[in-house]
Amino acid sequence: MLRIIFLCVAALAVAAHAQTYPIKPIRILVPVPAGGTADIFARMLAPAMSNQLGQQLVIDNRGGAGGLIGTELAAKAPPDGYTLMMCSQGPITIVPHLQKNVPYDALRDFTAVSLISAGPYLLTTQPNAPFKTIKELIAAAKAEPGRISYASAGSGAPNHLASEQFKAMAGVNLQHVPYKGAPQAVTDLLGGHVRLYFGSIPPLVAHIKAGRLRALGVSSAKRTHQVPDLPTISEGGVPGFEFYSWFGMLAPARTPRPYLQRVHEVLMKAMRAPETTSQFEAQGADPVGNSPEEFAAFIKREYDTNARLVKTAGLRVE
């Protein structure tokens, strides 16, 4: 009886506090350096969410180890509604299958808020690269096995898996060069220090339009409206190739449901605001937005799918 009374009192206390939540700034952990896609989305949405909540949303970039560092911080943060995380699929649905001692349980230590955006990758290179198409890239890679390098945002990052899938399906040997995050990878790609990079559209579209990078193909099953003239990688010479990146918002497990409902409510309004929609379009991204239950089910499907991909590719990061 005392336990029941205690639980009822605790529930009433949370409900009462939810009426005033939040009473202080909220931190959004971003497990990539500034300039990465997750960071771009967090900074796009934070102002509109702050206006609705009446409190500042503070972006806290904690990049490194393929997103592992920032994700561990989010998993171990107090579940009090004052820590959120803008994530990609890497540390949630890929890294746990690559490393033995991941310091969090990707499915149990987080609560889903919403899927933010999902879209294909672009396979990019320099304008002066000796290959201009996917078929020419494959021919060059087969002529000099292991000589052509590709960058990733870190071992276990989504674009690492996309690149390995491309290698396996194209039957080529490429050299992996991992970075601490996407911005550093793109910088070295622009500088010609690495030859190839799979990246989501937002950080790359301006460089492609300005002629600083060349896109060889898009990783979706069909051509994308952001770059309608660009063939898919499947069309270009790797039949059946398909890979997507996604970004979403999570909270530590056991965060009070009334707080999550409030965050979800303002997030949906922020994503659907005309000024935010135009920012997504300018970045070459499509906003999604769904329920916490739908996002949780999506994560579980991705988790299981990537487990099979990692096993098939024989990947392991020590």
Protein backbone atom coordinates (compact mmCIF):
# COMPACT_ATOMS: atom_id res chain seq x y z
CA MET A 1 0.00 0.00 0.00
CA LEU A 2 2.82 2.42 0.89
CA ARG A 3 4.51 1.65 -2.43
CA ILE A 4 1.31 2.41 -4.34
CA ILE A 5 0.86 5.67 -2.44
CA PHE A 6 4.48 6.63 -3.15
CA LEU A 7 4.10 5.94 -6.88
CA CYS A 8 0.90 7.96 -7.04
CA VAL A 9 2.51 10.91 -5.27
CA ALA A 10 5.54 10.71 -7.56
CA ALA A 11 3.32 10.66 -10.65
CA LEU A 12 1.35 13.66 -9.40
CA ALA A 13 4.61 15.52 -8.72
CA VAL A 14 5.85 14.89 -12.26
CA ALA A 15 2.51 15.94 -13.73
CA ALA A 16 2.54 19.13 -11.68
CA HIS A 17 6.10 19.95 -12.69
CA ALA A 18 5.24 19.28 -16.34
CA GLN A 19 2.95 22.29 -16.21
CA THR A 20 5.99 24.52 -15.77
CA TYR A 21 8.59 22.45 -17.69
CA PRO A 22 11.12 23.59 -18.67
CA ILE A 23 12.39 25.89 -15.94
CA LYS A 24 15.98 26.06 -17.21
CA PRO A 25 17.90 25.68 -20.49
CA ILE A 26 17.86 22.31 -22.26
CA ARG A 27 21.03 20.78 -23.63
CA ILE A 28 21.02 19.11 -27.06
CA LEU A 29 24.00 16.77 -27.26
CA VAL A 30 25.28 16.41 -30.82
CA PRO A 31 27.79 13.55 -31.14
CA VAL A 32 29.51 15.10 -34.16
CA PRO A 33 31.64 18.24 -34.57
CA ALA A 34 30.12 21.55 -35.61
CA GLY A 35 29.23 21.51 -39.29
CA GLY A 36 28.09 17.90 -39.45
CA THR A 37 24.57 17.12 -40.63
CA ALA A 38 23.25 16.36 -37.14
CA ASP A 39 24.70 19.68 -35.97
CA ILE A 40 23.09 21.54 -38.88
CA PHE A 41 19.67 20.10 -38.06
CA ALA A 42 20.03 20.82 -34.34
CA ARG A 43 20.90 24.46 -35.00
CA MET A 44 18.04 24.80 -37.50
CA LEU A 45 15.44 23.55 -35.02
CA ALA A 46 16.73 24.96 -31.73
CA PRO A 47 15.58 28.60 -32.20
CA ALA A 48 11.95 27.69 -33.01
CA MET A 49 11.85 25.18 -30.15
CA SER A 50 13.36 27.72 -27.75
CA ASN A 51 10.70 30.27 -28.66
CA GLN A 52 7.93 27.82 -27.83
CA LEU A 53 9.48 26.49 -24.63
CA GLY A 54 10.58 29.86 -23.28
CA GLN A 55 14.04 28.46 -22.53
CA GLN A 56 17.26 28.33 -24.50
CA LEU A 57 18.29 25.09 -26.21
CA VAL A 58 22.08 24.83 -25.92
CA ILE A 59 23.92 22.86 -28.61
CA ASP A 60 26.71 20.76 -27.09
CA ASN A 61 28.97 19.20 -29.74
CA ARG A 62 30.81 16.11 -28.49
CA GLY A 63 32.30 14.53 -31.59
CA GLY A 64 34.73 11.67 -31.90
CA ALA A 65 34.91 7.86 -32.07
CA GLY A 66 32.19 7.67 -34.72
CA GLY A 67 29.69 9.38 -32.40
CA LEU A 68 30.45 7.08 -29.46
CA ILE A 69 31.63 9.83 -27.09
CA GLY A 70 28.59 12.09 -27.33
CA THR A 71 26.18 9.17 -27.38
CA GLU A 72 27.62 7.74 -24.16
CA LEU A 73 27.20 11.13 -22.48
CA ALA A 74 23.57 11.23 -23.56
CA ALA A 75 22.93 7.68 -22.37
CA LYS A 76 24.34 8.47 -18.92
CA ALA A 77 22.77 11.92 -18.54
CA PRO A 78 20.11 12.40 -15.85
CA PRO A 79 16.66 11.54 -17.26
CA ASP A 80 15.21 14.83 -16.11
CA GLY A 81 14.10 16.32 -19.43
CA TYR A 82 17.06 18.68 -19.68
CA THR A 83 19.22 16.56 -21.99
CA LEU A 84 18.28 15.60 -25.55
CA MET A 85 20.40 14.18 -28.35
CA MET A 86 20.38 14.78 -32.09
CA CYS A 87 21.65 11.50 -33.47
CA SER A 88 22.41 9.68 -36.68
CA GLN A 89 22.15 5.95 -37.20
CA GLY A 90 25.88 5.37 -36.65
CA PRO A 91 26.22 5.16 -32.86
CA ILE A 92 22.68 3.80 -32.43
CA THR A 93 22.28 1.11 -35.08
CA ILE A 94 25.77 0.44 -36.50
CA VAL A 95 28.53 0.84 -33.89
CA PRO A 96 26.95 -1.66 -31.44
CA HIS A 97 27.50 -4.37 -34.08
CA LEU A 98 31.10 -3.34 -34.76
CA GLN A 99 32.53 -3.03 -31.25
CA LYS A 100 32.44 -5.45 -28.35
CA ASN A 101 32.41 -3.00 -25.46
CA VAL A 102 30.05 -0.20 -26.41
CA PRO A 103 29.41 1.71 -23.13
CA TYR A 104 25.63 1.92 -23.58
CA ASP A 105 22.72 -0.19 -24.75
CA ALA A 106 21.43 1.49 -27.90
CA LEU A 107 17.92 0.06 -27.56
CA ARG A 108 17.46 0.35 -23.80
CA ASP A 109 19.31 3.51 -22.75
CA PHE A 110 17.33 5.94 -24.91
CA THR A 111 13.76 7.04 -25.48
CA ALA A 112 12.72 7.97 -29.01
CA VAL A 113 11.31 11.44 -29.66
CA SER A 114 11.07 11.71 -33.45
CA LEU A 115 12.74 10.97 -36.75
CA ILE A 116 13.96 14.32 -38.11
CA SER A 117 15.12 13.57 -41.62
CA ALA A 118 16.03 10.61 -43.82
CA GLY A 119 17.72 10.72 -47.18
CA PRO A 120 20.37 9.27 -49.46
CA TYR A 121 24.10 9.78 -49.57
CA LEU A 122 26.06 11.33 -52.41
CA LEU A 123 29.29 9.67 -53.54
CA THR A 124 31.62 12.60 -54.20
CA THR A 125 35.13 13.30 -55.44
CA GLN A 126 37.18 16.24 -56.72
CA PRO A 127 36.39 17.90 -60.07
CA ASN A 128 39.85 16.92 -61.35
CA ALA A 129 39.50 13.25 -60.45
CA PRO A 130 40.51 10.90 -63.29
CA PHE A 131 37.07 9.28 -63.23
CA LYS A 132 33.79 11.05 -63.94
CA THR A 133 31.31 8.19 -63.53
CA ILE A 134 30.72 5.22 -61.26
CA LYS A 135 31.84 2.82 -64.00
CA GLU A 136 35.07 4.77 -64.52
CA LEU A 137 35.67 4.76 -60.73
CA ILE A 138 35.23 0.99 -60.59
CA ALA A 139 37.61 0.50 -63.53
CA ALA A 140 40.23 2.74 -61.89
CA ALA A 141 39.88 0.96 -58.54
CA LYS A 142 40.29 -2.46 -60.15
CA ALA A 143 43.34 -1.25 -62.08
CA GLU A 144 45.05 -0.12 -58.86
CA PRO A 145 43.63 -2.08 -55.91
CA GLY A 146 43.93 -0.24 -52.59
CA ARG A 147 45.30 2.97 -54.13
CA ILE A 148 42.09 5.02 -54.12
CA SER A 149 41.20 6.31 -50.66
CA TYR A 150 37.83 7.11 -49.15
CA ALA A 151 37.04 9.20 -46.09
CA SER A 152 34.50 8.47 -43.39
CA ALA A 153 33.27 10.34 -40.34
CA GLY A 154 34.89 7.65 -38.21
CA SER A 155 35.13 3.88 -37.99
CA GLY A 156 31.58 2.63 -37.61
CA ALA A 157 30.00 5.82 -38.93
CA PRO A 158 27.15 5.35 -41.43
CA ASN A 159 29.26 6.47 -44.37
CA HIS A 160 31.88 3.91 -43.38
CA LEU A 161 29.26 1.19 -43.72
CA ALA A 162 27.97 2.70 -46.98
CA SER A 163 31.49 2.70 -48.40
CA GLU A 164 32.12 -0.88 -47.35
CA GLN A 165 28.83 -1.92 -48.91
CA PHE A 166 29.89 -0.17 -52.12
CA LYS A 167 33.27 -1.96 -52.05
CA ALA A 168 31.61 -5.34 -51.61
CA MET A 169 28.95 -4.85 -54.27
CA ALA A 170 31.33 -3.24 -56.81
CA GLY A 171 34.08 -5.79 -56.16
CA VAL A 172 36.79 -3.17 -55.51
CA ASN A 173 39.45 -2.54 -52.88
CA LEU A 174 39.52 1.02 -51.49
CA GLN A 175 41.62 2.46 -48.65
CA HIS A 176 39.66 3.65 -45.60
CA VAL A 177 40.70 6.93 -43.95
CA PRO A 178 38.58 7.57 -40.81
CA TYR A 179 38.16 11.07 -39.37
CA LYS A 180 36.72 12.42 -36.12
CA GLY A 181 33.67 13.73 -37.94
CA ALA A 182 32.18 14.70 -41.28
CA PRO A 183 33.50 18.32 -41.35
CA GLN A 184 37.12 17.15 -41.14
CA ALA A 185 36.48 14.51 -43.79
CA VAL A 186 34.94 17.05 -46.16
CA THR A 187 37.84 19.46 -45.55
CA ASP A 188 40.40 16.86 -46.59
CA LEU A 189 38.24 15.81 -49.53
CA LEU A 190 38.19 19.41 -50.73
CA GLY A 191 41.95 19.57 -50.24
CA GLY A 192 42.53 16.45 -52.29
CA HIS A 193 43.99 14.44 -49.40
CA VAL A 194 41.37 11.70 -49.91
CA ARG A 195 39.68 10.83 -53.16
CA LEU A 196 36.15 9.67 -52.28
CA TYR A 197 33.49 10.45 -49.71
CA PHE A 198 29.96 9.23 -49.10
CA GLY A 199 28.09 12.07 -47.41
CA SER A 200 24.54 13.20 -46.74
CA ILE A 201 23.34 16.00 -48.97
CA PRO A 202 23.21 19.04 -46.59
CA PRO A 203 26.99 19.55 -46.02
CA LEU A 204 27.87 18.78 -49.66
CA VAL A 205 25.28 20.50 -51.82
CA ALA A 206 26.89 23.97 -51.69
CA HIS A 207 30.31 22.57 -52.67
CA ILE A 208 28.76 20.66 -55.57
CA LYS A 209 26.83 23.68 -56.85
CA ALA A 210 30.00 25.81 -56.59
CA GLY A 211 32.01 23.25 -58.56
CA ARG A 212 34.37 22.45 -55.69
CA LEU A 213 33.22 18.81 -55.64
CA ARG A 214 31.78 16.41 -58.21
CA ALA A 215 28.97 14.01 -57.34
CA LEU A 216 29.29 10.62 -59.02
CA GLY A 217 26.01 9.11 -57.88
CA VAL A 218 23.24 9.09 -55.29
CA SER A 219 22.67 6.11 -53.00
CA SER A 220 18.86 6.01 -53.21
CA ALA A 221 16.88 3.53 -55.26
CA LYS A 222 15.54 6.38 -57.40
CA ARG A 223 17.00 9.74 -58.38
CA THR A 224 16.49 12.46 -55.84
CA HIS A 225 14.77 15.78 -56.48
CA GLN A 226 17.67 17.65 -54.86
CA VAL A 227 19.99 16.66 -57.73
CA PRO A 228 17.59 15.28 -60.38
CA ASP A 229 20.21 14.91 -63.13
CA LEU A 230 22.51 12.77 -60.98
CA PRO A 231 22.16 9.02 -61.66
CA THR A 232 21.80 6.54 -58.84
CA ILE A 233 24.79 4.37 -58.00
CA SER A 234 22.67 1.42 -59.06
CA GLU A 235 22.17 3.01 -62.49
CA GLY A 236 25.84 3.94 -62.65
CA GLY A 237 27.19 0.42 -62.44
CA VAL A 238 26.39 -1.22 -59.07
CA PRO A 239 22.94 -2.80 -59.57
CA GLY A 240 20.84 -2.96 -56.41
CA PHE A 241 23.01 -0.58 -54.39
CA GLU A 242 20.93 1.40 -51.90
CA PHE A 243 21.84 3.19 -48.66
CA TYR A 244 20.16 5.93 -46.63
CA SER A 245 21.20 8.18 -43.79
CA TRP A 246 18.80 9.34 -41.09
CA PHE A 247 18.80 11.74 -38.16
CA GLY A 248 16.52 11.88 -35.16
CA MET A 249 16.05 13.15 -31.63
CA LEU A 250 16.41 10.95 -28.57
CA ALA A 251 16.30 11.44 -24.81
CA PRO A 252 17.79 9.36 -21.99
CA ALA A 253 15.67 6.38 -21.01
CA ARG A 254 13.21 7.00 -18.17
CA THR A 255 12.80 10.68 -19.04
CA PRO A 256 9.29 11.53 -17.71
CA ARG A 257 6.68 11.04 -20.40
CA PRO A 258 5.00 14.45 -19.86
CA TYR A 259 8.34 16.13 -20.62
CA LEU A 260 8.83 14.02 -23.74
CA GLN A 261 5.34 14.86 -24.93
CA ARG A 262 6.08 18.55 -24.51
CA VAL A 263 9.39 18.25 -26.41
CA HIS A 264 7.70 16.25 -29.18
CA GLU A 265 4.93 18.83 -29.48
CA VAL A 266 7.29 21.78 -29.94
CA LEU A 267 9.60 19.77 -32.21
CA MET A 268 6.73 18.96 -34.58
CA LYS A 269 5.66 22.62 -34.70
CA ALA A 270 9.25 23.70 -35.32
CA MET A 271 9.70 21.22 -38.16
CA ARG A 272 6.48 22.30 -39.86
CA ALA A 273 7.08 26.03 -39.56
CA PRO A 274 7.51 27.61 -43.04
CA GLU A 275 10.87 29.15 -42.14
CA THR A 276 12.22 25.78 -40.96
CA THR A 277 10.84 23.95 -43.99
CA SER A 278 12.61 26.41 -46.27
CA GLN A 279 15.87 25.79 -44.38
CA PHE A 280 15.52 22.05 -44.87
CA GLU A 281 14.91 22.60 -48.58
CA ALA A 282 17.94 24.89 -48.84
CA GLN A 283 20.04 22.13 -47.30
CA GLY A 284 18.70 19.56 -49.75
CA ALA A 285 16.93 17.63 -46.98
CA ASP A 286 13.39 16.45 -46.43
CA PRO A 287 11.90 16.80 -42.92
CA VAL A 288 10.01 13.75 -41.66
CA GLY A 289 8.58 13.97 -38.14
CA ASN A 290 6.75 11.02 -36.60
CA SER A 291 5.55 9.72 -33.25
CA PRO A 292 7.92 8.39 -30.57
CA GLU A 293 6.42 4.92 -31.06
CA GLU A 294 6.96 5.04 -34.82
CA PHE A 295 10.53 6.23 -34.39
CA ALA A 296 11.29 3.52 -31.82
CA ALA A 297 10.01 0.85 -34.22
CA PHE A 298 12.07 2.41 -37.05
CA ILE A 299 15.24 2.28 -34.90
CA LYS A 300 14.67 -1.41 -34.08
CA ARG A 301 14.29 -2.27 -37.79
CA GLU A 302 17.44 -0.33 -38.65
CA TYR A 303 19.31 -1.99 -35.78
CA ASP A 304 18.45 -5.47 -37.06
CA THR A 305 19.14 -4.60 -40.71
CA ASN A 306 22.58 -3.15 -39.95
CA ALA A 307 23.46 -6.17 -37.84
CA ARG A 308 23.04 -8.28 -40.97
CA LEU A 309 24.99 -5.81 -43.15
CA VAL A 310 27.92 -5.68 -40.73
CA LYS A 311 28.03 -9.46 -40.48
CA THR A 312 27.89 -9.89 -44.26
CA ALA A 313 30.68 -7.32 -44.77
CA GLY A 314 32.78 -8.93 -42.04
CA LEU A 315 33.45 -5.59 -40.35
CA ARG A 316 34.92 -5.21 -36.88
CA VAL A 317 36.36 -2.17 -35.10
CA GLU A 318 38.58 -2.83 -32.10
